[in-house]
PDB file of N, CA and C in Angstrom:
ATOM      1  N   MET A   1     -29.798  90.367 130.760  1.00  0.00           N
ATOM      2  CA  MET A   1     -30.572  89.165 130.616  1.00  0.00           C
ATOM      3  C   MET A   1     -31.000  88.955 129.162  1.00  0.00           C
ATOM      4  N   LEU A   2     -31.517  90.011 128.546  1.00  0.00           N
ATOM      5  CA  LEU A   2     -31.951  89.934 127.154  1.00  0.00           C
ATOM      6  C   LEU A   2     -30.769  89.597 126.244  1.00  0.00           C
ATOM      7  N   PHE A   3     -29.628  90.211 126.518  1.00  0.00           N
ATOM      8  CA  PHE A   3     -28.420  89.942 125.734  1.00  0.00           C
ATOM      9  C   PHE A   3     -28.082  88.456 125.757  1.00  0.00           C
ATOM     10  N   LEU A   4     -28.077  87.855 126.937  1.00  0.00           N
ATOM     11  CA  LEU A   4     -27.730  86.436 127.056  1.00  0.00           C
ATOM     12  C   LEU A   4     -28.751  85.538 126.376  1.00  0.00           C
ATOM     13  N   ILE A   5     -30.017  85.873 126.496  1.00  0.00           N
ATOM     14  CA  ILE A   5     -31.054  85.060 125.857  1.00  0.00           C
ATOM     15  C   ILE A   5     -30.888  85.081 124.344  1.00  0.00           C
ATOM     16  N   VAL A   6     -30.707  86.266 123.775  1.00  0.00           N
ATOM     17  CA  VAL A   6     -30.539  86.378 122.324  1.00  0.00           C
ATOM     18  C   VAL A   6     -29.238  85.707 121.893  1.00  0.00           C
ATOM     19  N   LEU A   7     -28.191  85.867 122.675  1.00  0.00           N
ATOM     20  CA  LEU A   7     -26.903  85.251 122.345  1.00  0.00           C
ATOM     21  C   LEU A   7     -27.011  83.732 122.293  1.00  0.00           C
ATOM     22  N   ILE A   8     -27.617  83.144 123.291  1.00  0.00           N
ATOM     23  CA  ILE A   8     -27.736  81.684 123.352  1.00  0.00           C
ATOM     24  C   ILE A   8     -28.659  81.158 122.259  1.00  0.00           C
ATOM     25  N   LEU A   9     -29.818  81.801 122.071  1.00  0.00           N
ATOM     26  CA  LEU A   9     -30.747  81.351 121.032  1.00  0.00           C
ATOM     27  C   LEU A   9     -30.144  81.499 119.631  1.00  0.00           C
ATOM     28  N   SER A  10     -29.444  82.591 119.396  1.00  0.00           N
ATOM     29  CA  SER A  10     -28.839  82.815 118.088  1.00  0.00           C
ATOM     30  C   SER A  10     -27.716  81.830 117.814  1.00  0.00           C
ATOM     31  N   PHE A  11     -26.907  81.573 118.828  1.00  0.00           N
ATOM     32  CA  PHE A  11     -25.803  80.638 118.641  1.00  0.00           C
ATOM     33  C   PHE A  11     -26.320  79.225 118.399  1.00  0.00           C
ATOM     34  N   ALA A  12     -27.322  78.825 119.159  1.00  0.00           N
ATOM     35  CA  ALA A  12     -27.879  77.480 118.995  1.00  0.00           C
ATOM     36  C   ALA A  12     -28.566  77.323 117.643  1.00  0.00           C
ATOM     37  N   SER A  13     -29.277  78.335 117.205  1.00  0.00           N
ATOM     38  CA  SER A  13     -29.990  78.234 115.935  1.00  0.00           C
ATOM     39  C   SER A  13     -29.070  78.440 114.739  1.00  0.00           C
ATOM     40  N   GLY A  14     -27.919  79.052 114.943  1.00  0.00           N
ATOM     41  CA  GLY A  14     -27.007  79.334 113.846  1.00  0.00           C
ATOM     42  C   GLY A  14     -26.430  78.105 113.186  1.00  0.00           C
ATOM     43  N   PHE A  15     -26.399  77.003 113.877  1.00  0.00           N
ATOM     44  CA  PHE A  15     -25.855  75.777 113.311  1.00  0.00           C
ATOM     45  C   PHE A  15     -26.866  75.007 112.467  1.00  0.00           C
ATOM     46  N   PHE A  16     -28.149  75.124 112.799  1.00  0.00           N
ATOM     47  CA  PHE A  16     -29.136  74.236 112.196  1.00  0.00           C
ATOM     48  C   PHE A  16     -30.221  74.932 111.399  1.00  0.00           C
ATOM     49  N   LEU A  17     -30.509  76.172 111.692  1.00  0.00           N
ATOM     50  CA  LEU A  17     -31.662  76.855 111.106  1.00  0.00           C
ATOM     51  C   LEU A  17     -31.216  77.975 110.173  1.00  0.00           C
ATOM     52  N   PRO A  18     -32.120  78.505 109.352  1.00  0.00           N
ATOM     53  CA  PRO A  18     -31.764  79.601 108.436  1.00  0.00           C
ATOM     54  C   PRO A  18     -31.348  80.866 109.189  1.00  0.00           C
ATOM     55  N   TRP A  19     -30.715  81.775 108.473  1.00  0.00           N
ATOM     56  CA  TRP A  19     -30.149  82.971 109.083  1.00  0.00           C
ATOM     57  C   TRP A  19     -31.211  83.864 109.721  1.00  0.00           C
ATOM     58  N   TRP A  20     -32.419  83.885 109.172  1.00  0.00           N
ATOM     59  CA  TRP A  20     -33.442  84.819 109.633  1.00  0.00           C
ATOM     60  C   TRP A  20     -34.084  84.409 110.954  1.00  0.00           C
ATOM     61  N   VAL A  21     -33.756  83.248 111.466  1.00  0.00           N
ATOM     62  CA  VAL A  21     -34.304  82.806 112.747  1.00  0.00           C
ATOM     63  C   VAL A  21     -33.808  83.698 113.892  1.00  0.00           C
ATOM     64  N   VAL A  22     -32.655  84.346 113.702  1.00  0.00           N
ATOM     65  CA  VAL A  22     -32.157  85.248 114.753  1.00  0.00           C
ATOM     66  C   VAL A  22     -33.122  86.406 114.971  1.00  0.00           C
ATOM     67  N   ALA A  23     -33.810  86.831 113.913  1.00  0.00           N
ATOM     68  CA  ALA A  23     -34.781  87.915 114.057  1.00  0.00           C
ATOM     69  C   ALA A  23     -35.971  87.460 114.905  1.00  0.00           C
ATOM     70  N   ILE A  24     -36.427  86.248 114.688  1.00  0.00           N
ATOM     71  CA  ILE A  24     -37.535  85.723 115.479  1.00  0.00           C
ATOM     72  C   ILE A  24     -37.120  85.558 116.937  1.00  0.00           C
ATOM     73  N   ALA A  25     -35.921  85.052 117.148  1.00  0.00           N
ATOM     74  CA  ALA A  25     -35.423  84.860 118.512  1.00  0.00           C
ATOM     75  C   ALA A  25     -35.298  86.196 119.246  1.00  0.00           C
ATOM     76  N   ALA A  26     -34.750  87.200 118.577  1.00  0.00           N
ATOM     77  CA  ALA A  26     -34.603  88.519 119.202  1.00  0.00           C
ATOM     78  C   ALA A  26     -35.962  89.162 119.457  1.00  0.00           C
ATOM     79  N   PHE A  27     -36.869  89.013 118.505  1.00  0.00           N
ATOM     80  CA  PHE A  27     -38.208  89.575 118.653  1.00  0.00           C
ATOM     81  C   PHE A  27     -38.909  88.992 119.880  1.00  0.00           C
ATOM     82  N   LEU A  28     -38.915  87.666 119.978  1.00  0.00           N
ATOM     83  CA  LEU A  28     -39.603  87.008 121.094  1.00  0.00           C
ATOM     84  C   LEU A  28     -38.918  87.282 122.432  1.00  0.00           C
ATOM     85  N   ALA A  29     -37.594  87.286 122.432  1.00  0.00           N
ATOM     86  CA  ALA A  29     -36.866  87.551 123.678  1.00  0.00           C
ATOM     87  C   ALA A  29     -37.153  88.963 124.176  1.00  0.00           C
ATOM     88  N   ALA A  30     -37.158  89.931 123.279  1.00  0.00           N
ATOM     89  CA  ALA A  30     -37.437  91.308 123.690  1.00  0.00           C
ATOM     90  C   ALA A  30     -38.900  91.483 124.068  1.00  0.00           C
ATOM     91  N   PHE A  31     -39.782  90.757 123.401  1.00  0.00           N
ATOM     92  CA  PHE A  31     -41.202  90.847 123.734  1.00  0.00           C
ATOM     93  C   PHE A  31     -41.452  90.414 125.176  1.00  0.00           C
ATOM     94  N   PHE A  32     -40.748  89.382 125.617  1.00  0.00           N
ATOM     95  CA  PHE A  32     -40.989  88.853 126.952  1.00  0.00           C
ATOM     96  C   PHE A  32     -40.081  89.446 128.026  1.00  0.00           C
ATOM     97  N   THR A  33     -38.866  89.883 127.687  1.00  0.00           N
ATOM     98  CA  THR A  33     -37.941  90.355 128.730  1.00  0.00           C
ATOM     99  C   THR A  33     -37.405  91.759 128.506  1.00  0.00           C
ATOM    100  N   GLY A  34     -37.774  92.428 127.419  1.00  0.00           N
ATOM    101  CA  GLY A  34     -37.245  93.760 127.133  1.00  0.00           C
ATOM    102  C   GLY A  34     -37.729  94.807 128.117  1.00  0.00           C
ATOM    103  N   LYS A  35     -36.868  95.775 128.394  1.00  0.00           N
ATOM    104  CA  LYS A  35     -37.207  96.853 129.341  1.00  0.00           C
ATOM    105  C   LYS A  35     -37.340  98.207 128.645  1.00  0.00           C
ATOM    106  N   THR A  36     -36.280  98.630 127.943  1.00  0.00           N
ATOM    107  CA  THR A  36     -36.291  99.929 127.271  1.00  0.00           C
ATOM    108  C   THR A  36     -35.948  99.729 125.798  1.00  0.00           C
ATOM    109  N   PRO A  37     -36.338 100.661 124.941  1.00  0.00           N
ATOM    110  CA  PRO A  37     -36.015 100.517 123.514  1.00  0.00           C
ATOM    111  C   PRO A  37     -34.511 100.462 123.240  1.00  0.00           C
ATOM    112  N   GLY A  38     -33.745 101.288 123.911  1.00  0.00           N
ATOM    113  CA  GLY A  38     -32.300 101.278 123.702  1.00  0.00           C
ATOM    114  C   GLY A  38     -31.670  99.968 124.130  1.00  0.00           C
ATOM    115  N   GLN A  39     -32.094  99.480 125.272  1.00  0.00           N
ATOM    116  CA  GLN A  39     -31.568  98.202 125.763  1.00  0.00           C
ATOM    117  C   GLN A  39     -31.952  97.070 124.833  1.00  0.00           C
ATOM    118  N   ALA A  40     -33.166  97.074 124.316  1.00  0.00           N
ATOM    119  CA  ALA A  40     -33.611  96.018 123.410  1.00  0.00           C
ATOM    120  C   ALA A  40     -32.796  96.035 122.125  1.00  0.00           C
ATOM    121  N   PHE A  41     -32.641  97.209 121.521  1.00  0.00           N
ATOM    122  CA  PHE A  41     -31.901  97.294 120.267  1.00  0.00           C
ATOM    123  C   PHE A  41     -30.451  96.872 120.456  1.00  0.00           C
ATOM    124  N   TRP A  42     -29.777  97.460 121.440  1.00  0.00           N
ATOM    125  CA  TRP A  42     -28.343  97.171 121.591  1.00  0.00           C
ATOM    126  C   TRP A  42     -28.079  95.758 122.078  1.00  0.00           C
ATOM    127  N   SER A  43     -28.960  95.194 122.875  1.00  0.00           N
ATOM    128  CA  SER A  43     -28.781  93.802 123.280  1.00  0.00           C
ATOM    129  C   SER A  43     -28.910  92.878 122.077  1.00  0.00           C
ATOM    130  N   GLY A  44     -29.938  93.099 121.262  1.00  0.00           N
ATOM    131  CA  GLY A  44     -30.108  92.288 120.059  1.00  0.00           C
ATOM    132  C   GLY A  44     -28.969  92.482 119.075  1.00  0.00           C
ATOM    133  N   PHE A  45     -28.551  93.733 118.882  1.00  0.00           N
ATOM    134  CA  PHE A  45     -27.471  94.023 117.941  1.00  0.00           C
ATOM    135  C   PHE A  45     -26.170  93.359 118.372  1.00  0.00           C
ATOM    136  N   LEU A  46     -25.751  93.602 119.598  1.00  0.00           N
ATOM    137  CA  LEU A  46     -24.448  93.088 120.046  1.00  0.00           C
ATOM    138  C   LEU A  46     -24.427  91.567 120.145  1.00  0.00           C
ATOM    139  N   ALA A  47     -25.531  90.967 120.567  1.00  0.00           N
ATOM    140  CA  ALA A  47     -25.561  89.509 120.691  1.00  0.00           C
ATOM    141  C   ALA A  47     -25.365  88.851 119.329  1.00  0.00           C
ATOM    142  N   VAL A  48     -26.097  89.281 118.333  1.00  0.00           N
ATOM    143  CA  VAL A  48     -25.989  88.653 117.016  1.00  0.00           C
ATOM    144  C   VAL A  48     -24.705  89.090 116.306  1.00  0.00           C
ATOM    145  N   PHE A  49     -24.252  90.297 116.544  1.00  0.00           N
ATOM    146  CA  PHE A  49     -22.957  90.729 115.997  1.00  0.00           C
ATOM    147  C   PHE A  49     -21.853  89.771 116.439  1.00  0.00           C
ATOM    148  N   ILE A  50     -21.822  89.465 117.716  1.00  0.00           N
ATOM    149  CA  ILE A  50     -20.806  88.551 118.252  1.00  0.00           C
ATOM    150  C   ILE A  50     -21.017  87.133 117.719  1.00  0.00           C
ATOM    151  N   VAL A  51     -22.247  86.662 117.746  1.00  0.00           N
ATOM    152  CA  VAL A  51     -22.536  85.290 117.317  1.00  0.00           C
ATOM    153  C   VAL A  51     -22.191  85.092 115.847  1.00  0.00           C
ATOM    154  N   TRP A  52     -22.562  86.020 114.983  1.00  0.00           N
ATOM    155  CA  TRP A  52     -22.294  85.832 113.558  1.00  0.00           C
ATOM    156  C   TRP A  52     -20.808  85.879 113.249  1.00  0.00           C
ATOM    157  N   ILE A  53     -20.058  86.715 113.951  1.00  0.00           N
ATOM    158  CA  ILE A  53     -18.608  86.727 113.738  1.00  0.00           C
ATOM    159  C   ILE A  53     -17.999  85.409 114.204  1.00  0.00           C
ATOM    160  N   VAL A  54     -18.438  84.915 115.347  1.00  0.00           N
ATOM    161  CA  VAL A  54     -17.913  83.641 115.852  1.00  0.00           C
ATOM    162  C   VAL A  54     -18.276  82.494 114.912  1.00  0.00           C
ATOM    163  N   LEU A  55     -19.518  82.431 114.459  1.00  0.00           N
ATOM    164  CA  LEU A  55     -19.925  81.368 113.534  1.00  0.00           C
ATOM    165  C   LEU A  55     -19.189  81.469 112.198  1.00  0.00           C
ATOM    166  N   ALA A  56     -18.966  82.683 111.717  1.00  0.00           N
ATOM    167  CA  ALA A  56     -18.214  82.851 110.472  1.00  0.00           C
ATOM    168  C   ALA A  56     -16.766  82.394 110.652  1.00  0.00           C
ATOM    169  N   LEU A  57     -16.197  82.669 111.811  1.00  0.00           N
ATOM    170  CA  LEU A  57     -14.835  82.199 112.078  1.00  0.00           C
ATOM    171  C   LEU A  57     -14.781  80.682 112.177  1.00  0.00           C
ATOM    172  N   PHE A  58     -15.796  80.068 112.768  1.00  0.00           N
ATOM    173  CA  PHE A  58     -15.847  78.604 112.840  1.00  0.00           C
ATOM    174  C   PHE A  58     -15.802  77.978 111.445  1.00  0.00           C
ATOM    175  N   LYS A  59     -16.432  78.633 110.490  1.00  0.00           N
ATOM    176  CA  LYS A  59     -16.470  78.084 109.134  1.00  0.00           C
ATOM    177  C   LYS A  59     -15.275  78.530 108.299  1.00  0.00           C
ATOM    178  N   SER A  60     -14.654  79.642 108.647  1.00  0.00           N
ATOM    179  CA  SER A  60     -13.580  80.195 107.841  1.00  0.00           C
ATOM    180  C   SER A  60     -12.188  79.710 108.262  1.00  0.00           C
ATOM    181  N   ILE A  61     -11.980  79.471 109.518  1.00  0.00           N
ATOM    182  CA  ILE A  61     -10.655  79.054 109.994  1.00  0.00           C
ATOM    183  C   ILE A  61     -10.222  77.710 109.407  1.00  0.00           C
ATOM    184  N   PRO A  62     -11.091  76.692 109.343  1.00  0.00           N
ATOM    185  CA  PRO A  62     -10.626  75.402 108.810  1.00  0.00           C
ATOM    186  C   PRO A  62     -10.116  75.454 107.366  1.00  0.00           C
ATOM    187  N   ASN A  63     -10.618  76.375 106.550  1.00  0.00           N
ATOM    188  CA  ASN A  63     -10.133  76.453 105.162  1.00  0.00           C
ATOM    189  C   ASN A  63      -9.159  77.613 104.962  1.00  0.00           C
ATOM    190  N   ASN A  64      -8.574  78.093 106.057  1.00  0.00           N
ATOM    191  CA  ASN A  64      -7.545  79.136 106.013  1.00  0.00           C
ATOM    192  C   ASN A  64      -8.046  80.430 105.361  1.00  0.00           C
ATOM    193  N   HIS A  65      -9.321  80.732 105.534  1.00  0.00           N
ATOM    194  CA  HIS A  65      -9.959  81.970 105.079  1.00  0.00           C
ATOM    195  C   HIS A  65      -9.907  82.144 103.553  1.00  0.00           C
ATOM    196  N   ILE A  66      -9.821  81.063 102.809  1.00  0.00           N
ATOM    197  CA  ILE A  66      -9.726  81.165 101.346  1.00  0.00           C
ATOM    198  C   ILE A  66     -10.997  81.768 100.758  1.00  0.00           C
ATOM    199  N   LEU A  67     -12.156  81.206 101.125  1.00  0.00           N
ATOM    200  CA  LEU A  67     -13.412  81.712 100.578  1.00  0.00           C
ATOM    201  C   LEU A  67     -13.688  83.137 101.060  1.00  0.00           C
ATOM    202  N   ALA A  68     -13.428  83.396 102.335  1.00  0.00           N
ATOM    203  CA  ALA A  68     -13.663  84.747 102.874  1.00  0.00           C
ATOM    204  C   ALA A  68     -12.783  85.776 102.157  1.00  0.00           C
ATOM    205  N   THR A  69     -11.560  85.407 101.840  1.00  0.00           N
ATOM    206  CA  THR A  69     -10.669  86.326 101.130  1.00  0.00           C
ATOM    207  C   THR A  69     -11.188  86.604  99.726  1.00  0.00           C
ATOM    208  N   LYS A  70     -11.665  85.576  99.043  1.00  0.00           N
ATOM    209  CA  LYS A  70     -12.182  85.765  97.682  1.00  0.00           C
ATOM    210  C   LYS A  70     -13.462  86.602  97.674  1.00  0.00           C
ATOM    211  N   VAL A  71     -14.327  86.384  98.649  1.00  0.00           N
ATOM    212  CA  VAL A  71     -15.557  87.190  98.726  1.00  0.00           C
ATOM    213  C   VAL A  71     -15.216  88.634  99.098  1.00  0.00           C
ATOM    214  N   ALA A  72     -14.249  88.825  99.972  1.00  0.00           N
ATOM    215  CA  ALA A  72     -13.817  90.189 100.313  1.00  0.00           C
ATOM    216  C   ALA A  72     -13.269  90.902  99.081  1.00  0.00           C
ATOM    217  N   GLN A  73     -12.511  90.192  98.236  1.00  0.00           N
ATOM    218  CA  GLN A  73     -12.019  90.790  96.997  1.00  0.00           C
ATOM    219  C   GLN A  73     -13.162  91.129  96.057  1.00  0.00           C
ATOM    220  N   LEU A  74     -14.188  90.270  96.026  1.00  0.00           N
ATOM    221  CA  LEU A  74     -15.347  90.506  95.180  1.00  0.00           C
ATOM    222  C   LEU A  74     -16.047  91.812  95.557  1.00  0.00           C
ATOM    223  N   PHE A  75     -16.129  92.089  96.865  1.00  0.00           N
ATOM    224  CA  PHE A  75     -16.755  93.325  97.344  1.00  0.00           C
ATOM    225  C   PHE A  75     -15.753  94.455  97.532  1.00  0.00           C
ATOM    226  N   GLN A  76     -14.536  94.269  97.044  1.00  0.00           N
ATOM    227  CA  GLN A  76     -13.465  95.264  97.084  1.00  0.00           C
ATOM    228  C   GLN A  76     -13.146  95.710  98.511  1.00  0.00           C
ATOM    229  N   LEU A  77     -13.129  94.735  99.422  1.00  0.00           N
ATOM    230  CA  LEU A  77     -12.722  94.998 100.795  1.00  0.00           C
ATOM    231  C   LEU A  77     -11.245  94.661 100.937  1.00  0.00           C
ATOM    232  N   PRO A  78     -10.523  95.351 101.811  1.00  0.00           N
ATOM    233  CA  PRO A  78      -9.080  95.118 101.935  1.00  0.00           C
ATOM    234  C   PRO A  78      -8.698  93.724 102.432  1.00  0.00           C
ATOM    235  N   GLY A  79      -9.549  93.070 103.196  1.00  0.00           N
ATOM    236  CA  GLY A  79      -9.191  91.759 103.723  1.00  0.00           C
ATOM    237  C   GLY A  79     -10.408  91.017 104.231  1.00  0.00           C
ATOM    238  N   TRP A  80     -10.206  89.763 104.593  1.00  0.00           N
ATOM    239  CA  TRP A  80     -11.312  88.931 105.039  1.00  0.00           C
ATOM    240  C   TRP A  80     -11.867  89.383 106.388  1.00  0.00           C
ATOM    241  N   GLY A  81     -11.074  90.050 107.206  1.00  0.00           N
ATOM    242  CA  GLY A  81     -11.551  90.543 108.497  1.00  0.00           C
ATOM    243  C   GLY A  81     -12.648  91.590 108.349  1.00  0.00           C
ATOM    244  N   TYR A  82     -12.518  92.409 107.315  1.00  0.00           N
ATOM    245  CA  TYR A  82     -13.548  93.407 107.056  1.00  0.00           C
ATOM    246  C   TYR A  82     -14.873  92.743 106.675  1.00  0.00           C
ATOM    247  N   LEU A  83     -14.767  91.628 105.945  1.00  0.00           N
ATOM    248  CA  LEU A  83     -15.972  90.881 105.592  1.00  0.00           C
ATOM    249  C   LEU A  83     -16.675  90.355 106.835  1.00  0.00           C
ATOM    250  N   LEU A  84     -15.900  89.907 107.823  1.00  0.00           N
ATOM    251  CA  LEU A  84     -16.499  89.445 109.072  1.00  0.00           C
ATOM    252  C   LEU A  84     -17.233  90.574 109.786  1.00  0.00           C
ATOM    253  N   VAL A  85     -16.638  91.752 109.800  1.00  0.00           N
ATOM    254  CA  VAL A  85     -17.269  92.898 110.462  1.00  0.00           C
ATOM    255  C   VAL A  85     -18.553  93.296 109.740  1.00  0.00           C
ATOM    256  N   VAL A  86     -18.524  93.321 108.412  1.00  0.00           N
ATOM    257  CA  VAL A  86     -19.727  93.658 107.642  1.00  0.00           C
ATOM    258  C   VAL A  86     -20.826  92.626 107.892  1.00  0.00           C
ATOM    259  N   THR A  87     -20.429  91.350 107.922  1.00  0.00           N
ATOM    260  CA  THR A  87     -21.391  90.289 108.215  1.00  0.00           C
ATOM    261  C   THR A  87     -22.010  90.487 109.592  1.00  0.00           C
ATOM    262  N   GLY A  88     -21.189  90.789 110.584  1.00  0.00           N
ATOM    263  CA  GLY A  88     -21.687  91.021 111.940  1.00  0.00           C
ATOM    264  C   GLY A  88     -22.619  92.216 112.017  1.00  0.00           C
ATOM    265  N   ILE A  89     -22.287  93.277 111.302  1.00  0.00           N
ATOM    266  CA  ILE A  89     -23.132  94.478 111.318  1.00  0.00           C
ATOM    267  C   ILE A  89     -24.497  94.187 110.693  1.00  0.00           C
ATOM    268  N   ILE A  90     -24.509  93.454 109.588  1.00  0.00           N
ATOM    269  CA  ILE A  90     -25.786  93.119 108.935  1.00  0.00           C
ATOM    270  C   ILE A  90     -26.658  92.278 109.869  1.00  0.00           C
ATOM    271  N   GLY A  91     -26.079  91.240 110.451  1.00  0.00           N
ATOM    272  CA  GLY A  91     -26.836  90.411 111.391  1.00  0.00           C
ATOM    273  C   GLY A  91     -27.269  91.187 112.617  1.00  0.00           C
ATOM    274  N   GLY A  92     -26.394  92.060 113.104  1.00  0.00           N
ATOM    275  CA  GLY A  92     -26.728  92.872 114.265  1.00  0.00           C
ATOM    276  C   GLY A  92     -27.888  93.816 114.002  1.00  0.00           C
ATOM    277  N   LEU A  93     -27.898  94.428 112.828  1.00  0.00           N
ATOM    278  CA  LEU A  93     -29.003  95.331 112.495  1.00  0.00           C
ATOM    279  C   LEU A  93     -30.326  94.577 112.384  1.00  0.00           C
ATOM    280  N   VAL A  94     -30.291  93.411 111.757  1.00  0.00           N
ATOM    281  CA  VAL A  94     -31.513  92.605 111.644  1.00  0.00           C
ATOM    282  C   VAL A  94     -32.045  92.267 113.032  1.00  0.00           C
ATOM    283  N   SER A  95     -31.161  91.789 113.890  1.00  0.00           N
ATOM    284  CA  SER A  95     -31.572  91.385 115.228  1.00  0.00           C
ATOM    285  C   SER A  95     -31.941  92.580 116.107  1.00  0.00           C
ATOM    286  N   GLY A  96     -31.203  93.660 115.987  1.00  0.00           N
ATOM    287  CA  GLY A  96     -31.495  94.848 116.785  1.00  0.00           C
ATOM    288  C   GLY A  96     -32.865  95.422 116.481  1.00  0.00           C
ATOM    289  N   PHE A  97     -33.181  95.522 115.196  1.00  0.00           N
ATOM    290  CA  PHE A  97     -34.494  96.044 114.828  1.00  0.00           C
ATOM    291  C   PHE A  97     -35.613  95.060 115.166  1.00  0.00           C
ATOM    292  N   ALA A  98     -35.323  93.774 115.088  1.00  0.00           N
ATOM    293  CA  ALA A  98     -36.329  92.787 115.490  1.00  0.00           C
ATOM    294  C   ALA A  98     -36.605  92.874 116.987  1.00  0.00           C
ATOM    295  N   ALA A  99     -35.547  93.018 117.784  1.00  0.00           N
ATOM    296  CA  ALA A  99     -35.728  93.147 119.233  1.00  0.00           C
ATOM    297  C   ALA A  99     -36.478  94.434 119.575  1.00  0.00           C
ATOM    298  N   LEU A 100     -36.133  95.501 118.899  1.00  0.00           N
ATOM    299  CA  LEU A 100     -36.838  96.766 119.119  1.00  0.00           C
ATOM    300  C   LEU A 100     -38.313  96.629 118.746  1.00  0.00           C
ATOM    301  N   SER A 101     -38.601  95.951 117.663  1.00  0.00           N
ATOM    302  CA  SER A 101     -39.992  95.727 117.254  1.00  0.00           C
ATOM    303  C   SER A 101     -40.744  94.891 118.275  1.00  0.00           C
ATOM    304  N   GLY A 102     -40.083  93.883 118.823  1.00  0.00           N
ATOM    305  CA  GLY A 102     -40.724  93.055 119.847  1.00  0.00           C
ATOM    306  C   GLY A 102     -41.088  93.858 121.081  1.00  0.00           C
ATOM    307  N   LEU A 103     -40.179  94.705 121.530  1.00  0.00           N
ATOM    308  CA  LEU A 103     -40.465  95.529 122.703  1.00  0.00           C
ATOM    309  C   LEU A 103     -41.577  96.537 122.419  1.00  0.00           C
ATOM    310  N   LEU A 104     -41.549  97.166 121.250  1.00  0.00           N
ATOM    311  CA  LEU A 104     -42.573  98.158 120.923  1.00  0.00           C
ATOM    312  C   LEU A 104     -43.940  97.514 120.746  1.00  0.00           C
ATOM    313  N   LEU A 105     -43.978  96.294 120.232  1.00  0.00           N
ATOM    314  CA  LEU A 105     -45.255  95.580 120.146  1.00  0.00           C
ATOM    315  C   LEU A 105     -45.791  95.269 121.531  1.00  0.00           C
ATOM    316  N   LYS A 106     -44.908  94.869 122.426  1.00  0.00           N
ATOM    317  CA  LYS A 106     -45.322  94.612 123.821  1.00  0.00           C
ATOM    318  C   LYS A 106     -45.900  95.877 124.444  1.00  0.00           C
ATOM    319  N   ARG A 107     -45.251  97.009 124.219  1.00  0.00           N
ATOM    320  CA  ARG A 107     -45.747  98.279 124.759  1.00  0.00           C
ATOM    321  C   ARG A 107     -47.078  98.678 124.120  1.00  0.00           C
ATOM    322  N   ALA A 108     -47.291  98.354 122.865  1.00  0.00           N
ATOM    323  CA  ALA A 108     -48.547  98.689 122.202  1.00  0.00           C
ATOM    324  C   ALA A 108     -49.703  97.893 122.812  1.00  0.00           C
ATOM    325  N   PHE A 109     -49.439  96.653 123.221  1.00  0.00           N
ATOM    326  CA  PHE A 109     -50.490  95.853 123.837  1.00  0.00           C
ATOM    327  C   PHE A 109     -50.734  96.236 125.284  1.00  0.00           C
ATOM    328  N   GLU A 110     -49.742  96.822 125.940  1.00  0.00           N
ATOM    329  CA  GLU A 110     -49.918  97.215 127.344  1.00  0.00           C
ATOM    330  C   GLU A 110     -50.836  98.409 127.483  1.00  0.00           C
ATOM    331  N   ASN A 111     -50.865  99.285 126.505  1.00  0.00           N
ATOM    332  CA  ASN A 111     -51.677 100.511 126.610  1.00  0.00           C
ATOM    333  C   ASN A 111     -53.079 100.310 126.183  1.00  0.00           C
TER     334      ASN A 111
END
């Protein structure tokens, strides 16, 4: 459930809002629906990992990955696909830790 909530909120906000809104979405979703710390972290991580790769592909496919290839060369990566994975990992970590923080804050108020 948490995975789907973060996935939908992140995908919807990815088109119109700044990148850091995924952290707020994951934090609030985990605060209200999170169960365990592991589930909160991995749900937030995987949801945003998938969303950011999909959104990056939406922007990269129309220009035949020209910009992604040049940025990958700038960071000395072998190809543009590696850049997508790095982008997904960064977004996933931000969201995963935000979701974990939301759940831990909820637990702090329960005690």
